[in-house]
Structures are given as structure tokens and as C-alpha cells.
């Protein structure tokens, strides 16, 4: 799993690539929790092909940490299989999701 980070003014951007599963969650969790401190986070999941329940947990934890710190959190670019996991798990109601990075950035501003 690769986490590619960048920033746009008052927002952090992170693009994940690979599988978000038990093996990759510890490193991703550390990165995401650092990125949500003091800034909103747009998480680009277009490079993610699989998300396990452990992956969902870390996304929920990061979203809650962002909200607790007064920042926004949004995901974008969900592939069909990942979108289905979000839908089945009820995460579409918990984490705002957008088709594109631009839409997610606009929503958090």
C-alpha cells in the first residue's frame, strides 16, 4: 500500500494505492491520523482495489479524528468494488464520497 501525500492550501490530499487490509492498515492509520491534525483531508481511493473490515475501521477512525479536530474528511474516486463495500457497510452515510478529487475539495471548503 502506497500513501501519496500532497496539499492544497488548507487541505491535505492523500492518494492510496493497493490493498487496504490487515497487512497495510497499521502504516496507513499512522499516516492518515497525522494528516487530519489541523487540516481537512481528501482521500483519493481511485488506486485502491480492495478494502477489508480493518481498512474500513481505519477510515472511520480518521474521519472521526478529523471531525473531533474541527476538520473535514472526504473520500473520492471509489472503484466499483470499494464503493460496494462502502455501501454494504453503511459508510456512504458516514464518510462523504465524491466522484472526483475536485468535487471533494470543493465540498470541504
Protein backbone atom coordinates (compact mmCIF):
# COMPACT_ATOMS: atom_id res chain seq x y z
CA UNK A 1 0.00 0.00 0.00
CA UNK A 2 1.33 3.38 -1.00
CA UNK A 3 0.19 6.67 0.53
CA UNK A 4 1.00 9.61 -1.74
CA UNK A 5 0.59 12.91 0.10
CA UNK A 6 0.22 16.46 -1.15
CA UNK A 7 -1.51 19.62 -0.04
CA UNK A 8 -3.76 22.33 -1.41
CA UNK A 9 -3.91 25.45 0.78
CA UNK A 10 -5.95 24.45 3.85
CA UNK A 11 -6.41 20.79 2.88
CA UNK A 12 -4.23 17.71 2.84
CA UNK A 13 -4.61 15.26 -0.01
CA UNK A 14 -3.69 11.59 0.22
CA UNK A 15 -3.95 9.07 -2.60
CA UNK A 16 -3.89 5.42 -1.59
CA UNK A 17 -2.75 2.73 -3.98
CA UNK A 18 -3.06 -1.02 -3.49
CA UNK A 19 -5.00 -3.05 -0.95
CA UNK A 20 -6.24 -1.62 2.34
CA UNK A 21 -6.23 -4.72 4.51
CA UNK A 22 -4.87 -6.12 7.77
CA UNK A 23 -1.30 -6.10 6.47
CA UNK A 24 -1.34 -2.46 5.36
CA UNK A 25 -3.62 -0.83 7.94
CA UNK A 26 -1.01 -0.01 10.64
CA UNK A 27 1.11 2.20 8.38
CA UNK A 28 -1.90 3.78 6.66
CA UNK A 29 -3.54 4.52 10.01
CA UNK A 30 -0.45 6.33 11.25
CA UNK A 31 -0.25 8.42 8.06
CA UNK A 32 -3.95 9.32 7.97
CA UNK A 33 -4.14 10.30 11.63
CA UNK A 34 -1.16 12.61 11.15
CA UNK A 35 -2.75 14.17 8.06
CA UNK A 36 -6.08 15.03 9.75
CA UNK A 37 -4.46 17.06 12.53
CA UNK A 38 -5.38 20.69 11.94
CA UNK A 39 -6.42 20.32 8.29
CA UNK A 40 -9.17 18.71 6.32
CA UNK A 41 -8.31 15.58 4.35
CA UNK A 42 -9.36 14.47 0.89
CA UNK A 43 -8.62 10.79 0.50
CA UNK A 44 -8.32 9.65 -3.12
CA UNK A 45 -9.16 5.95 -3.26
CA UNK A 46 -9.05 5.58 -7.05
CA UNK A 47 -5.95 3.37 -6.75
CA UNK A 48 -7.50 1.06 -4.13
CA UNK A 49 -8.94 -2.20 -5.41
CA UNK A 50 -9.80 -3.85 -2.08
CA UNK A 51 -10.81 -2.67 1.40
CA UNK A 52 -11.17 -5.11 4.29
CA UNK A 53 -13.10 -4.53 7.52
CA UNK A 54 -9.79 -3.46 9.10
CA UNK A 55 -9.42 -0.90 6.31
CA UNK A 56 -12.93 0.42 6.93
CA UNK A 57 -12.13 0.75 10.62
CA UNK A 58 -9.07 2.91 9.95
CA UNK A 59 -11.02 5.14 7.56
CA UNK A 60 -13.72 5.58 10.18
CA UNK A 61 -11.10 6.36 12.83
CA UNK A 62 -9.50 9.02 10.61
CA UNK A 63 -12.89 10.56 9.75
CA UNK A 64 -13.81 10.75 13.45
CA UNK A 65 -10.43 12.26 14.33
CA UNK A 66 -10.89 14.90 11.62
CA UNK A 67 -14.35 15.81 12.90
CA UNK A 68 -13.16 15.90 16.51
CA UNK A 69 -10.45 18.33 15.47
CA UNK A 70 -12.90 20.53 13.58
CA UNK A 71 -11.66 19.46 10.15
CA UNK A 72 -13.42 17.87 7.22
CA UNK A 73 -12.84 14.43 5.74
CA UNK A 74 -13.97 13.17 2.35
CA UNK A 75 -13.15 10.28 0.04
CA UNK A 76 -13.18 10.29 -3.75
CA UNK A 77 -12.59 8.03 -6.72
CA UNK A 78 -14.06 4.85 -5.26
CA UNK A 79 -13.72 1.90 -7.63
CA UNK A 80 -16.90 -0.20 -8.05
CA UNK A 81 -15.77 -2.97 -5.66
CA UNK A 82 -14.75 -0.44 -2.99
CA UNK A 83 -17.97 1.53 -3.48
CA UNK A 84 -19.92 -1.68 -2.91
CA UNK A 85 -18.04 -2.34 0.36
CA UNK A 86 -18.79 1.24 1.49
CA UNK A 87 -22.45 0.78 0.55
CA UNK A 88 -22.89 -2.58 2.28
CA UNK A 89 -21.09 -1.36 5.40
CA UNK A 90 -23.15 1.83 5.60
CA UNK A 91 -20.07 4.00 5.10
CA UNK A 92 -21.67 6.08 2.34
CA UNK A 93 -23.75 7.69 5.11
CA UNK A 94 -20.72 8.19 7.39
CA UNK A 95 -17.95 9.38 5.06
CA UNK A 96 -18.81 11.88 2.33
CA UNK A 97 -17.78 10.39 -1.02
CA UNK A 98 -17.33 12.12 -4.36
CA UNK A 99 -16.55 11.01 -7.89
CA UNK A 100 -13.58 13.33 -8.31
CA UNK A 101 -10.88 14.95 -6.24
CA UNK A 102 -12.09 18.39 -7.35
CA UNK A 103 -15.61 17.71 -6.08
CA UNK A 104 -14.26 16.53 -2.72
CA UNK A 105 -12.03 19.58 -2.37
CA UNK A 106 -14.93 21.92 -3.19
CA UNK A 107 -17.15 20.19 -0.62
CA UNK A 108 -14.61 20.65 2.18
CA UNK A 109 -14.09 24.35 1.52
